[in-house]
C-alpha cells in the first residue's frame, strides 16, 4: 500500500462525513432559443423534450457511427439549457453542436468562466448545505437543481453523486467563492467537512465504477460499453444522431466489450492506458487506476471483451517487468471487504 497517510485520512473523512472539492475540470455551455429542447433531443442519447425546469440528466453525444463525441450533464432552466461538459471537450462539443445547427432557433455560448464550482461529497453533504439555508437535497433526484442566493450573487445547487457518494455541486460566481468556501467549512465542522484533494475523487469514482470523460470515455467508445445505459441512454425517445448503431447493439444483444472493475496484484499504480491480456491474447485496455482503500489493493477500470469480462477472470496488465497479474471484480468495488476497511 502506498505510504500516503494524508490521502488515507482524507478518504476516511469523506466516507464517514463530507469532503469539499473545488471542481476545475468542467466547462459549461448554455443553449438558448425556442428550438433548443427539440434540437438537442435529436443529438443526444437521453431524453430532453420532456424534462422540466429544475430537472436534468446524463447523456452522450455520438457521431453517425455511434461513437462518443462527448458526454454531458444536462440541466434544464426556465429559458435555457446548461450543458456541463469536461473542459477538454468544450471546443469539440461546441463545433459538433454547431455543425448540426441549420435553420433552428438555437444559440450556443460558453459560460465556463462565469462560475466556479464547489463539490461536497459524503454521507453528510446534504446536512452541510442545509445549515446554510440552501435547498434540502435529500429528496432530490440526480441532476435536479435549484437556484440559490449568496451574499447578493445568484448561484445554482445541483444534486450530483459524481464520485459515487451522496453529492452536491454549487455553481457560484467567482467573486463569491472565497466567502462561500469559508461559510461551508464553518457550517460543515459538526459533520467533519474538510477540504480533500482531487486524487480522492478519483479513488472514489473508480471504486464506484463511474467512467470519466476523456480518461475512460473517448472517441473509440460506444455508449452501452460504458455500463451507463440506465443512467445515460433512452431506448424509447425515438431517433437521434447515431441511434441506429446503439439500437442495433441492444436488439441483437451484441456488446463486444464492456467496462469492468479490476483488482491488480502490484505495489505501484500502473500507468494507463495499458493493454489487458488473457494468456497470450490482448482482450482490452486499462483506462484508469488508483490505490483503492476499499479493496486494500490497486484498482482499475478498463474495457474487456465480453467473453473475458466475467467476475473472477484472471488477467495480465502490461507494464514494466512483464506486467501485473489481476482479476475482474464486480462494480461497484466499494463495499467489498479489504484490509483498510477492517481497521
C-alpha atoms as a PDB file:
ATOM      1  CA  UNK A   1       0.000   0.000   0.000  1.00  0.00           C
ATOM      2  CA  UNK A   2       1.392   3.475  -0.811  1.00  0.00           C
ATOM      3  CA  UNK A   3       2.676   5.299   2.233  1.00  0.00           C
ATOM      4  CA  UNK A   4       0.257   8.220   1.999  1.00  0.00           C
ATOM      5  CA  UNK A   5      -1.317   8.884   5.345  1.00  0.00           C
ATOM      6  CA  UNK A   6      -2.791  12.182   4.129  1.00  0.00           C
ATOM      7  CA  UNK A   7      -4.874  10.548   1.391  1.00  0.00           C
ATOM      8  CA  UNK A   8      -5.887   7.721   3.709  1.00  0.00           C
ATOM      9  CA  UNK A   9      -7.109  10.226   6.275  1.00  0.00           C
ATOM     10  CA  UNK A  10      -8.993  12.237   3.635  1.00  0.00           C
ATOM     11  CA  UNK A  11     -10.643   9.052   2.378  1.00  0.00           C
ATOM     12  CA  UNK A  12     -11.936   8.239   5.849  1.00  0.00           C
ATOM     13  CA  UNK A  13     -13.143  11.815   6.387  1.00  0.00           C
ATOM     14  CA  UNK A  14     -15.143  11.749   3.153  1.00  0.00           C
ATOM     15  CA  UNK A  15     -16.627   8.285   3.532  1.00  0.00           C
ATOM     16  CA  UNK A  16     -17.600   8.990   7.162  1.00  0.00           C
ATOM     17  CA  UNK A  17     -18.606  12.648   6.859  1.00  0.00           C
ATOM     18  CA  UNK A  18     -18.055  15.049   3.969  1.00  0.00           C
ATOM     19  CA  UNK A  19     -15.332  16.470   1.772  1.00  0.00           C
ATOM     20  CA  UNK A  20     -15.079  19.748  -0.142  1.00  0.00           C
ATOM     21  CA  UNK A  21     -13.558  19.674  -3.639  1.00  0.00           C
ATOM     22  CA  UNK A  22     -13.006  22.629  -5.966  1.00  0.00           C
ATOM     23  CA  UNK A  23     -14.011  21.351  -9.409  1.00  0.00           C
ATOM     24  CA  UNK A  24     -11.817  22.854 -12.102  1.00  0.00           C
ATOM     25  CA  UNK A  25     -12.279  20.025 -14.583  1.00  0.00           C
ATOM     26  CA  UNK A  26     -15.669  21.004 -16.007  1.00  0.00           C
ATOM     27  CA  UNK A  27     -16.869  23.544 -18.554  1.00  0.00           C
ATOM     28  CA  UNK A  28     -20.313  24.970 -19.267  1.00  0.00           C
ATOM     29  CA  UNK A  29     -22.192  25.724 -22.491  1.00  0.00           C
ATOM     30  CA  UNK A  30     -25.565  27.477 -22.434  1.00  0.00           C
ATOM     31  CA  UNK A  31     -28.185  26.905 -25.136  1.00  0.00           C
ATOM     32  CA  UNK A  32     -30.958  29.417 -25.756  1.00  0.00           C
ATOM     33  CA  UNK A  33     -33.606  29.806 -28.460  1.00  0.00           C
ATOM     34  CA  UNK A  34     -37.129  28.443 -28.852  1.00  0.00           C
ATOM     35  CA  UNK A  35     -35.993  25.231 -30.602  1.00  0.00           C
ATOM     36  CA  UNK A  36     -33.348  24.303 -28.023  1.00  0.00           C
ATOM     37  CA  UNK A  37     -35.044  21.255 -26.451  1.00  0.00           C
ATOM     38  CA  UNK A  38     -36.191  19.557 -29.652  1.00  0.00           C
ATOM     39  CA  UNK A  39     -32.879  20.313 -31.361  1.00  0.00           C
ATOM     40  CA  UNK A  40     -30.784  18.814 -28.536  1.00  0.00           C
ATOM     41  CA  UNK A  41     -33.168  15.865 -28.254  1.00  0.00           C
ATOM     42  CA  UNK A  42     -32.086  14.913 -31.786  1.00  0.00           C
ATOM     43  CA  UNK A  43     -28.393  14.960 -30.884  1.00  0.00           C
ATOM     44  CA  UNK A  44     -28.016  13.067 -27.589  1.00  0.00           C
ATOM     45  CA  UNK A  45     -28.797   9.594 -26.269  1.00  0.00           C
ATOM     46  CA  UNK A  46     -31.117  10.610 -23.425  1.00  0.00           C
ATOM     47  CA  UNK A  47     -34.476  12.360 -23.432  1.00  0.00           C
ATOM     48  CA  UNK A  48     -34.573  16.157 -23.452  1.00  0.00           C
ATOM     49  CA  UNK A  49     -38.020  17.278 -24.637  1.00  0.00           C
ATOM     50  CA  UNK A  50     -39.956  16.016 -21.617  1.00  0.00           C
ATOM     51  CA  UNK A  51     -37.631  17.422 -18.953  1.00  0.00           C
ATOM     52  CA  UNK A  52     -38.993  20.301 -16.905  1.00  0.00           C
ATOM     53  CA  UNK A  53     -37.119  23.297 -15.420  1.00  0.00           C
ATOM     54  CA  UNK A  54     -35.213  22.108 -12.367  1.00  0.00           C
ATOM     55  CA  UNK A  55     -34.607  18.654 -13.863  1.00  0.00           C
ATOM     56  CA  UNK A  56     -31.631  17.188 -15.663  1.00  0.00           C
ATOM     57  CA  UNK A  57     -29.968  14.001 -16.826  1.00  0.00           C
ATOM     58  CA  UNK A  58     -26.778  12.448 -18.137  1.00  0.00           C
ATOM     59  CA  UNK A  59     -26.311  11.734 -21.844  1.00  0.00           C
ATOM     60  CA  UNK A  60     -23.858  11.066 -24.652  1.00  0.00           C
ATOM     61  CA  UNK A  61     -23.459  12.908 -27.931  1.00  0.00           C
ATOM     62  CA  UNK A  62     -22.362  10.442 -30.605  1.00  0.00           C
ATOM     63  CA  UNK A  63     -21.457  10.554 -34.284  1.00  0.00           C
ATOM     64  CA  UNK A  64     -23.173   8.696 -37.130  1.00  0.00           C
ATOM     65  CA  UNK A  65     -21.151   5.565 -36.242  1.00  0.00           C
ATOM     66  CA  UNK A  66     -22.461   5.631 -32.666  1.00  0.00           C
ATOM     67  CA  UNK A  67     -19.103   6.562 -31.151  1.00  0.00           C
ATOM     68  CA  UNK A  68     -18.812   9.141 -28.406  1.00  0.00           C
ATOM     69  CA  UNK A  69     -18.041  12.747 -29.309  1.00  0.00           C
ATOM     70  CA  UNK A  70     -18.556  13.890 -25.708  1.00  0.00           C
ATOM     71  CA  UNK A  71     -20.694  13.103 -22.679  1.00  0.00           C
ATOM     72  CA  UNK A  72     -22.582  15.683 -20.666  1.00  0.00           C
ATOM     73  CA  UNK A  73     -24.784  16.517 -17.729  1.00  0.00           C
ATOM     74  CA  UNK A  74     -27.860  18.410 -18.923  1.00  0.00           C
ATOM     75  CA  UNK A  75     -29.574  20.937 -16.643  1.00  0.00           C
ATOM     76  CA  UNK A  76     -32.896  22.450 -17.753  1.00  0.00           C
ATOM     77  CA  UNK A  77     -33.570  26.037 -16.652  1.00  0.00           C
ATOM     78  CA  UNK A  78     -36.648  28.136 -17.377  1.00  0.00           C
ATOM     79  CA  UNK A  79     -35.340  29.735 -20.563  1.00  0.00           C
ATOM     80  CA  UNK A  80     -32.131  27.865 -21.339  1.00  0.00           C
ATOM     81  CA  UNK A  81     -30.222  24.620 -21.159  1.00  0.00           C
ATOM     82  CA  UNK A  82     -26.911  24.181 -19.372  1.00  0.00           C
ATOM     83  CA  UNK A  83     -24.538  21.603 -20.840  1.00  0.00           C
ATOM     84  CA  UNK A  84     -21.971  20.554 -18.234  1.00  0.00           C
ATOM     85  CA  UNK A  85     -19.021  19.053 -20.144  1.00  0.00           C
ATOM     86  CA  UNK A  86     -15.411  18.136 -19.417  1.00  0.00           C
ATOM     87  CA  UNK A  87     -13.295  21.236 -20.150  1.00  0.00           C
ATOM     88  CA  UNK A  88     -11.076  19.266 -22.515  1.00  0.00           C
ATOM     89  CA  UNK A  89     -14.117  18.595 -24.710  1.00  0.00           C
ATOM     90  CA  UNK A  90     -15.716  22.040 -24.679  1.00  0.00           C
ATOM     91  CA  UNK A  91     -14.333  23.179 -28.050  1.00  0.00           C
ATOM     92  CA  UNK A  92     -15.080  19.865 -29.771  1.00  0.00           C
ATOM     93  CA  UNK A  93     -18.565  19.814 -28.265  1.00  0.00           C
ATOM     94  CA  UNK A  94     -19.354  23.300 -29.485  1.00  0.00           C
ATOM     95  CA  UNK A  95     -18.116  22.534 -33.012  1.00  0.00           C
ATOM     96  CA  UNK A  96     -20.132  19.314 -33.108  1.00  0.00           C
ATOM     97  CA  UNK A  97     -23.324  21.025 -31.972  1.00  0.00           C
ATOM     98  CA  UNK A  98     -22.876  23.970 -34.323  1.00  0.00           C
ATOM     99  CA  UNK A  99     -22.394  21.566 -37.220  1.00  0.00           C
ATOM    100  CA  UNK A 100     -25.920  20.291 -36.653  1.00  0.00           C
ATOM    101  CA  UNK A 101     -27.499  23.720 -36.253  1.00  0.00           C
ATOM    102  CA  UNK A 102     -29.060  24.634 -39.590  1.00  0.00           C
ATOM    103  CA  UNK A 103     -32.328  26.575 -39.509  1.00  0.00           C
ATOM    104  CA  UNK A 104     -33.210  26.009 -35.835  1.00  0.00           C
ATOM    105  CA  UNK A 105     -33.599  28.930 -33.466  1.00  0.00           C
ATOM    106  CA  UNK A 106     -30.689  27.882 -31.248  1.00  0.00           C
ATOM    107  CA  UNK A 107     -27.786  29.876 -29.813  1.00  0.00           C
ATOM    108  CA  UNK A 108     -24.690  28.438 -28.108  1.00  0.00           C
ATOM    109  CA  UNK A 109     -22.498  30.356 -25.678  1.00  0.00           C
ATOM    110  CA  UNK A 110     -19.687  29.218 -23.392  1.00  0.00           C
ATOM    111  CA  UNK A 111     -20.093  30.477 -19.821  1.00  0.00           C
ATOM    112  CA  UNK A 112     -17.417  28.401 -18.078  1.00  0.00           C
ATOM    113  CA  UNK A 113     -15.699  31.455 -16.571  1.00  0.00           C
ATOM    114  CA  UNK A 114     -18.939  32.871 -15.171  1.00  0.00           C
ATOM    115  CA  UNK A 115     -18.999  30.259 -12.379  1.00  0.00           C
ATOM    116  CA  UNK A 116     -16.701  28.433 -10.053  1.00  0.00           C
ATOM    117  CA  UNK A 117     -17.797  25.030  -8.819  1.00  0.00           C
ATOM    118  CA  UNK A 118     -17.635  23.510  -5.400  1.00  0.00           C
ATOM    119  CA  UNK A 119     -18.370  19.837  -4.850  1.00  0.00           C
ATOM    120  CA  UNK A 120     -19.412  18.448  -1.480  1.00  0.00           C
ATOM    121  CA  UNK A 121     -19.372  14.668  -1.234  1.00  0.00           C
ATOM    122  CA  UNK A 122     -20.043  12.192   1.540  1.00  0.00           C
ATOM    123  CA  UNK A 123     -22.939  10.998   3.700  1.00  0.00           C
ATOM    124  CA  UNK A 124     -23.140  14.394   5.454  1.00  0.00           C
ATOM    125  CA  UNK A 125     -23.228  16.506   2.256  1.00  0.00           C
ATOM    126  CA  UNK A 126     -26.954  17.269   2.499  1.00  0.00           C
ATOM    127  CA  UNK A 127     -26.833  18.463   6.094  1.00  0.00           C
ATOM    128  CA  UNK A 128     -23.890  20.756   5.356  1.00  0.00           C
ATOM    129  CA  UNK A 129     -25.710  22.734   2.647  1.00  0.00           C
ATOM    130  CA  UNK A 130     -28.927  22.793   4.666  1.00  0.00           C
ATOM    131  CA  UNK A 131     -27.128  24.542   7.523  1.00  0.00           C
ATOM    132  CA  UNK A 132     -26.562  27.451   5.133  1.00  0.00           C
ATOM    133  CA  UNK A 133     -30.261  27.612   4.333  1.00  0.00           C
ATOM    134  CA  UNK A 134     -29.946  26.118   0.859  1.00  0.00           C
ATOM    135  CA  UNK A 135     -32.371  23.603  -0.650  1.00  0.00           C
ATOM    136  CA  UNK A 136     -32.992  20.247   1.006  1.00  0.00           C
ATOM    137  CA  UNK A 137     -31.190  17.940  -1.420  1.00  0.00           C
ATOM    138  CA  UNK A 138     -32.148  14.677   0.308  1.00  0.00           C
ATOM    139  CA  UNK A 139     -35.361  14.125  -1.709  1.00  0.00           C
ATOM    140  CA  UNK A 140     -33.853  15.445  -4.953  1.00  0.00           C
ATOM    141  CA  UNK A 141     -33.100  13.068  -7.810  1.00  0.00           C
ATOM    142  CA  UNK A 142     -29.806  13.017  -9.673  1.00  0.00           C
ATOM    143  CA  UNK A 143     -29.126  16.290 -11.507  1.00  0.00           C
ATOM    144  CA  UNK A 144     -32.169  18.012 -10.086  1.00  0.00           C
ATOM    145  CA  UNK A 145     -31.219  21.571  -9.271  1.00  0.00           C
ATOM    146  CA  UNK A 146     -32.379  24.852  -7.758  1.00  0.00           C
ATOM    147  CA  UNK A 147     -31.291  28.476  -7.653  1.00  0.00           C
ATOM    148  CA  UNK A 148     -29.817  29.999  -4.506  1.00  0.00           C
ATOM    149  CA  UNK A 149     -28.649  33.440  -3.487  1.00  0.00           C
ATOM    150  CA  UNK A 150     -25.385  34.017  -1.655  1.00  0.00           C
ATOM    151  CA  UNK A 151     -24.319  37.467  -0.489  1.00  0.00           C
ATOM    152  CA  UNK A 152     -26.077  39.105  -3.415  1.00  0.00           C
ATOM    153  CA  UNK A 153     -24.842  36.589  -6.010  1.00  0.00           C
ATOM    154  CA  UNK A 154     -27.099  34.157  -7.829  1.00  0.00           C
ATOM    155  CA  UNK A 155     -25.893  30.548  -7.816  1.00  0.00           C
ATOM    156  CA  UNK A 156     -27.234  27.102  -8.588  1.00  0.00           C
ATOM    157  CA  UNK A 157     -27.241  23.973  -6.413  1.00  0.00           C
ATOM    158  CA  UNK A 158     -27.221  20.577  -8.148  1.00  0.00           C
ATOM    159  CA  UNK A 159     -27.742  17.141  -6.602  1.00  0.00           C
ATOM    160  CA  UNK A 160     -24.970  15.108  -8.193  1.00  0.00           C
ATOM    161  CA  UNK A 161     -23.291  11.962  -6.856  1.00  0.00           C
ATOM    162  CA  UNK A 162     -20.325  12.475  -9.189  1.00  0.00           C
ATOM    163  CA  UNK A 163     -17.934  10.413  -7.063  1.00  0.00           C
ATOM    164  CA  UNK A 164     -20.333   7.637  -6.134  1.00  0.00           C
ATOM    165  CA  UNK A 165     -21.136   9.087  -2.696  1.00  0.00           C
ATOM    166  CA  UNK A 166     -24.032  11.448  -1.910  1.00  0.00           C
ATOM    167  CA  UNK A 167     -23.001  14.702  -3.519  1.00  0.00           C
ATOM    168  CA  UNK A 168     -23.904  18.331  -4.172  1.00  0.00           C
ATOM    169  CA  UNK A 169     -22.381  20.811  -6.601  1.00  0.00           C
ATOM    170  CA  UNK A 170     -22.612  24.559  -6.101  1.00  0.00           C
ATOM    171  CA  UNK A 171     -22.204  26.892  -9.084  1.00  0.00           C
ATOM    172  CA  UNK A 172     -21.255  30.319  -7.761  1.00  0.00           C
ATOM    173  CA  UNK A 173     -19.865  33.498  -9.422  1.00  0.00           C
ATOM    174  CA  UNK A 174     -16.099  33.775  -8.802  1.00  0.00           C
ATOM    175  CA  UNK A 175     -16.451  36.879  -6.622  1.00  0.00           C
ATOM    176  CA  UNK A 176     -18.465  34.928  -4.063  1.00  0.00           C
ATOM    177  CA  UNK A 177     -16.420  31.738  -3.979  1.00  0.00           C
ATOM    178  CA  UNK A 178     -13.974  32.502  -1.154  1.00  0.00           C
ATOM    179  CA  UNK A 179     -16.730  33.611   1.221  1.00  0.00           C
ATOM    180  CA  UNK A 180     -18.863  30.584   0.376  1.00  0.00           C
ATOM    181  CA  UNK A 181     -15.956  28.191   0.957  1.00  0.00           C
ATOM    182  CA  UNK A 182     -15.319  29.753   4.364  1.00  0.00           C
ATOM    183  CA  UNK A 183     -19.005  29.510   5.316  1.00  0.00           C
ATOM    184  CA  UNK A 184     -19.244  25.916   4.103  1.00  0.00           C
ATOM    185  CA  UNK A 185     -16.248  24.883   6.201  1.00  0.00           C
ATOM    186  CA  UNK A 186     -17.770  26.573   9.252  1.00  0.00           C
ATOM    187  CA  UNK A 187     -21.205  25.022   8.655  1.00  0.00           C
ATOM    188  CA  UNK A 188     -19.651  21.638   7.990  1.00  0.00           C
ATOM    189  CA  UNK A 189     -17.459  21.481  11.056  1.00  0.00           C
ATOM    190  CA  UNK A 190     -20.008  19.434  13.090  1.00  0.00           C
ATOM    191  CA  UNK A 191     -20.178  16.973  10.169  1.00  0.00           C
ATOM    192  CA  UNK A 192     -16.422  16.697   9.782  1.00  0.00           C
ATOM    193  CA  UNK A 193     -16.303  18.623   6.479  1.00  0.00           C
ATOM    194  CA  UNK A 194     -12.740  19.098   5.247  1.00  0.00           C
ATOM    195  CA  UNK A 195     -11.018  20.016   2.024  1.00  0.00           C
ATOM    196  CA  UNK A 196      -9.878  16.978   0.068  1.00  0.00           C
ATOM    197  CA  UNK A 197      -7.598  16.511  -2.916  1.00  0.00           C
ATOM    198  CA  UNK A 198      -8.665  15.606  -6.435  1.00  0.00           C
ATOM    199  CA  UNK A 199      -6.922  12.255  -6.013  1.00  0.00           C
ATOM    200  CA  UNK A 200      -9.603  11.263  -3.503  1.00  0.00           C
ATOM    201  CA  UNK A 201     -12.336  11.994  -6.037  1.00  0.00           C
ATOM    202  CA  UNK A 202     -10.530   9.703  -8.489  1.00  0.00           C
ATOM    203  CA  UNK A 203     -10.265   6.904  -5.947  1.00  0.00           C
ATOM    204  CA  UNK A 204     -13.952   7.187  -5.076  1.00  0.00           C
ATOM    205  CA  UNK A 205     -15.210   7.272  -8.663  1.00  0.00           C
ATOM    206  CA  UNK A 206     -13.016   4.328  -9.728  1.00  0.00           C
ATOM    207  CA  UNK A 207     -14.233   2.292  -6.740  1.00  0.00           C
ATOM    208  CA  UNK A 208     -17.805   3.228  -7.720  1.00  0.00           C
ATOM    209  CA  UNK A 209     -17.222   2.149 -11.326  1.00  0.00           C
ATOM    210  CA  UNK A 210     -18.022   5.590 -12.789  1.00  0.00           C
ATOM    211  CA  UNK A 211     -16.164   6.154 -16.080  1.00  0.00           C
ATOM    212  CA  UNK A 212     -14.621   9.608 -16.553  1.00  0.00           C
ATOM    213  CA  UNK A 213     -14.804  11.801 -19.645  1.00  0.00           C
ATOM    214  CA  UNK A 214     -11.735  11.560 -21.897  1.00  0.00           C
ATOM    215  CA  UNK A 215      -9.972   9.176 -19.482  1.00  0.00           C
ATOM    216  CA  UNK A 216     -12.417   6.247 -19.743  1.00  0.00           C
ATOM    217  CA  UNK A 217     -14.845   7.625 -22.317  1.00  0.00           C
ATOM    218  CA  UNK A 218     -13.219   8.587 -25.609  1.00  0.00           C
ATOM    219  CA  UNK A 219     -13.890   8.552 -29.352  1.00  0.00           C
ATOM    220  CA  UNK A 220     -13.346   4.775 -29.548  1.00  0.00           C
ATOM    221  CA  UNK A 221     -16.211   4.053 -27.132  1.00  0.00           C
ATOM    222  CA  UNK A 222     -19.855   3.294 -27.936  1.00  0.00           C
ATOM    223  CA  UNK A 223     -22.108   4.358 -25.002  1.00  0.00           C
ATOM    224  CA  UNK A 224     -23.524   0.932 -23.993  1.00  0.00           C
ATOM    225  CA  UNK A 225     -19.959  -0.309 -23.447  1.00  0.00           C
ATOM    226  CA  UNK A 226     -19.571   2.120 -20.529  1.00  0.00           C
ATOM    227  CA  UNK A 227     -22.223   0.388 -18.409  1.00  0.00           C
ATOM    228  CA  UNK A 228     -24.116   3.691 -18.113  1.00  0.00           C
ATOM    229  CA  UNK A 229     -27.207   2.506 -20.018  1.00  0.00           C
ATOM    230  CA  UNK A 230     -29.817   3.163 -17.351  1.00  0.00           C
ATOM    231  CA  UNK A 231     -28.227   6.477 -16.473  1.00  0.00           C
ATOM    232  CA  UNK A 232     -27.476   7.843 -19.933  1.00  0.00           C
ATOM    233  CA  UNK A 233     -29.449   6.130 -22.716  1.00  0.00           C
ATOM    234  CA  UNK A 234     -33.160   6.173 -23.533  1.00  0.00           C
ATOM    235  CA  UNK A 235     -34.303   3.393 -25.850  1.00  0.00           C
ATOM    236  CA  UNK A 236     -37.794   4.910 -26.126  1.00  0.00           C
ATOM    237  CA  UNK A 237     -37.157   8.529 -27.141  1.00  0.00           C
ATOM    238  CA  UNK A 238     -37.086   7.996 -30.907  1.00  0.00           C
ATOM    239  CA  UNK A 239     -34.443   8.916 -33.463  1.00  0.00           C
ATOM    240  CA  UNK A 240     -31.241  10.841 -32.792  1.00  0.00           C
ATOM    241  CA  UNK A 241     -27.840  11.049 -34.433  1.00  0.00           C
ATOM    242  CA  UNK A 242     -26.132   7.636 -34.178  1.00  0.00           C
ATOM    243  CA  UNK A 243     -29.228   5.947 -32.731  1.00  0.00           C
ATOM    244  CA  UNK A 244     -29.268   3.121 -35.289  1.00  0.00           C
ATOM    245  CA  UNK A 245     -25.931   1.723 -34.121  1.00  0.00           C
ATOM    246  CA  UNK A 246     -26.869   1.833 -30.439  1.00  0.00           C
ATOM    247  CA  UNK A 247     -30.301   0.316 -31.048  1.00  0.00           C
ATOM    248  CA  UNK A 248     -28.761  -2.476 -33.137  1.00  0.00           C
ATOM    249  CA  UNK A 249     -26.449  -3.377 -30.240  1.00  0.00           C
ATOM    250  CA  UNK A 250     -29.447  -3.554 -27.899  1.00  0.00           C
ATOM    251  CA  UNK A 251     -31.724  -5.555 -30.213  1.00  0.00           C
ATOM    252  CA  UNK A 252     -29.011  -8.065 -31.130  1.00  0.00           C
ATOM    253  CA  UNK A 253     -27.611  -8.296 -27.601  1.00  0.00           C
ATOM    254  CA  UNK A 254     -24.240  -7.739 -29.230  1.00  0.00           C
ATOM    255  CA  UNK A 255     -21.857  -5.981 -26.860  1.00  0.00           C
ATOM    256  CA  UNK A 256     -18.353  -6.831 -27.991  1.00  0.00           C
ATOM    257  CA  UNK A 257     -16.699  -5.347 -24.907  1.00  0.00           C
ATOM    258  CA  UNK A 258     -17.698  -3.703 -21.651  1.00  0.00           C
ATOM    259  CA  UNK A 259     -16.276  -1.648 -18.802  1.00  0.00           C
ATOM    260  CA  UNK A 260     -15.151  -3.788 -15.855  1.00  0.00           C
ATOM    261  CA  UNK A 261     -13.508  -3.346 -12.493  1.00  0.00           C
ATOM    262  CA  UNK A 262     -10.052  -4.776 -11.936  1.00  0.00           C
ATOM    263  CA  UNK A 263      -8.080  -5.697  -8.827  1.00  0.00           C
ATOM    264  CA  UNK A 264      -4.364  -5.774  -9.589  1.00  0.00           C
ATOM    265  CA  UNK A 265      -1.598  -7.545  -7.723  1.00  0.00           C
ATOM    266  CA  UNK A 266       1.094  -4.873  -7.718  1.00  0.00           C
ATOM    267  CA  UNK A 267       2.616  -2.460  -5.244  1.00  0.00           C
ATOM    268  CA  UNK A 268       2.617   0.600  -7.518  1.00  0.00           C
ATOM    269  CA  UNK A 269      -0.268   2.028  -9.526  1.00  0.00           C
ATOM    270  CA  UNK A 270       0.327   1.219 -13.216  1.00  0.00           C
ATOM    271  CA  UNK A 271       0.195   3.879 -15.890  1.00  0.00           C
ATOM    272  CA  UNK A 272      -2.917   3.911 -18.054  1.00  0.00           C
ATOM    273  CA  UNK A 273      -3.732   3.229 -20.809  1.00  0.00           C
ATOM    274  CA  UNK A 274      -2.243  -0.246 -20.916  1.00  0.00           C
ATOM    275  CA  UNK A 275      -3.150  -3.472 -22.674  1.00  0.00           C
ATOM    276  CA  UNK A 276      -5.076  -6.164 -20.781  1.00  0.00           C
ATOM    277  CA  UNK A 277      -4.328  -9.759 -21.708  1.00  0.00           C
ATOM    278  CA  UNK A 278      -5.692 -13.217 -21.031  1.00  0.00           C
ATOM    279  CA  UNK A 279      -2.921 -15.663 -21.779  1.00  0.00           C
ATOM    280  CA  UNK A 280      -1.241 -14.511 -24.988  1.00  0.00           C
ATOM    281  CA  UNK A 281      -4.316 -12.690 -26.294  1.00  0.00           C
ATOM    282  CA  UNK A 282      -4.970  -8.972 -25.869  1.00  0.00           C
ATOM    283  CA  UNK A 283      -8.574  -8.645 -24.677  1.00  0.00           C
ATOM    284  CA  UNK A 284      -8.843  -4.988 -23.699  1.00  0.00           C
ATOM    285  CA  UNK A 285      -7.261  -1.894 -22.213  1.00  0.00           C
ATOM    286  CA  UNK A 286      -6.829  -0.418 -18.758  1.00  0.00           C
ATOM    287  CA  UNK A 287      -8.119   3.179 -18.705  1.00  0.00           C
ATOM    288  CA  UNK A 288      -7.944   4.252 -15.021  1.00  0.00           C
ATOM    289  CA  UNK A 289      -6.071   3.003 -11.957  1.00  0.00           C
ATOM    290  CA  UNK A 290      -5.557   4.038  -8.338  1.00  0.00           C
ATOM    291  CA  UNK A 291      -4.801   2.670  -4.902  1.00  0.00           C
ATOM    292  CA  UNK A 292      -8.178   1.562  -3.519  1.00  0.00           C
ATOM    293  CA  UNK A 293      -8.645   1.989   0.209  1.00  0.00           C
ATOM    294  CA  UNK A 294     -11.794  -0.159  -0.028  1.00  0.00           C
ATOM    295  CA  UNK A 295     -10.007  -3.115  -1.610  1.00  0.00           C
ATOM    296  CA  UNK A 296      -6.652  -2.617   0.074  1.00  0.00           C
ATOM    297  CA  UNK A 297      -5.107  -3.082  -3.359  1.00  0.00           C
ATOM    298  CA  UNK A 298      -4.604  -1.355  -6.694  1.00  0.00           C
ATOM    299  CA  UNK A 299      -7.922  -0.999  -8.516  1.00  0.00           C
ATOM    300  CA  UNK A 300      -8.647  -0.116 -12.107  1.00  0.00           C
ATOM    301  CA  UNK A 301     -11.288   0.346 -14.744  1.00  0.00           C
ATOM    302  CA  UNK A 302     -10.922  -0.950 -18.263  1.00  0.00           C
ATOM    303  CA  UNK A 303     -12.703  -2.273 -21.322  1.00  0.00           C
ATOM    304  CA  UNK A 304     -12.555  -6.021 -21.814  1.00  0.00           C
ATOM    305  CA  UNK A 305     -14.030  -8.281 -24.467  1.00  0.00           C
ATOM    306  CA  UNK A 306     -17.350  -9.624 -23.200  1.00  0.00           C
ATOM    307  CA  UNK A 307     -16.099 -13.212 -23.313  1.00  0.00           C
ATOM    308  CA  UNK A 308     -13.414 -12.281 -20.757  1.00  0.00           C
ATOM    309  CA  UNK A 309     -15.495  -9.907 -18.614  1.00  0.00           C
ATOM    310  CA  UNK A 310     -16.775 -12.399 -16.032  1.00  0.00           C
ATOM    311  CA  UNK A 311     -16.037 -11.655 -12.372  1.00  0.00           C
ATOM    312  CA  UNK A 312     -13.059 -13.747 -11.310  1.00  0.00           C
ATOM    313  CA  UNK A 313     -11.430 -13.819 -14.762  1.00  0.00           C
ATOM    314  CA  UNK A 314      -7.652 -13.727 -14.347  1.00  0.00           C
ATOM    315  CA  UNK A 315      -5.861 -11.092 -16.446  1.00  0.00           C
ATOM    316  CA  UNK A 316      -2.461  -9.568 -17.035  1.00  0.00           C
ATOM    317  CA  UNK A 317      -1.961  -5.820 -17.472  1.00  0.00           C
ATOM    318  CA  UNK A 318       1.076  -4.709 -19.471  1.00  0.00           C
ATOM    319  CA  UNK A 319       3.721  -2.827 -17.518  1.00  0.00           C
ATOM    320  CA  UNK A 320       7.393  -2.754 -16.535  1.00  0.00           C
ATOM    321  CA  UNK A 321       8.988  -6.132 -15.984  1.00  0.00           C
ATOM    322  CA  UNK A 322       6.355  -8.024 -17.949  1.00  0.00           C
ATOM    323  CA  UNK A 323       3.201  -6.662 -16.370  1.00  0.00           C
ATOM    324  CA  UNK A 324       0.888  -7.175 -13.404  1.00  0.00           C
ATOM    325  CA  UNK A 325      -1.496 -10.003 -12.649  1.00  0.00           C
ATOM    326  CA  UNK A 326      -5.031  -9.344 -11.513  1.00  0.00           C
ATOM    327  CA  UNK A 327      -8.668 -10.277 -11.856  1.00  0.00           C
ATOM    328  CA  UNK A 328     -12.005  -8.857 -12.932  1.00  0.00           C
ATOM    329  CA  UNK A 329     -14.109  -7.750  -9.937  1.00  0.00           C
ATOM    330  CA  UNK A 330     -17.713  -6.653  -9.516  1.00  0.00           C
ATOM    331  CA  UNK A 331     -18.712  -2.995  -9.689  1.00  0.00           C
ATOM    332  CA  UNK A 332     -19.029  -1.015  -7.547  1.00  0.00           C
ATOM    333  CA  UNK A 333     -15.882  -2.060  -5.705  1.00  0.00           C
ATOM    334  CA  UNK A 334     -16.545  -0.058  -2.560  1.00  0.00           C
ATOM    335  CA  UNK A 335     -18.250  -2.295  -0.058  1.00  0.00           C
ATOM    336  CA  UNK A 336     -16.012  -5.264  -0.787  1.00  0.00           C
ATOM    337  CA  UNK A 337     -14.003  -6.261   2.269  1.00  0.00           C
ATOM    338  CA  UNK A 338     -10.452  -5.031   2.274  1.00  0.00           C
ATOM    339  CA  UNK A 339      -7.666  -4.579   4.814  1.00  0.00           C
ATOM    340  CA  UNK A 340      -8.207  -0.831   5.229  1.00  0.00           C
ATOM    341  CA  UNK A 341     -11.936  -1.273   5.699  1.00  0.00           C
ATOM    342  CA  UNK A 342     -11.445  -3.701   8.536  1.00  0.00           C
ATOM    343  CA  UNK A 343      -9.146  -1.396  10.508  1.00  0.00           C
END
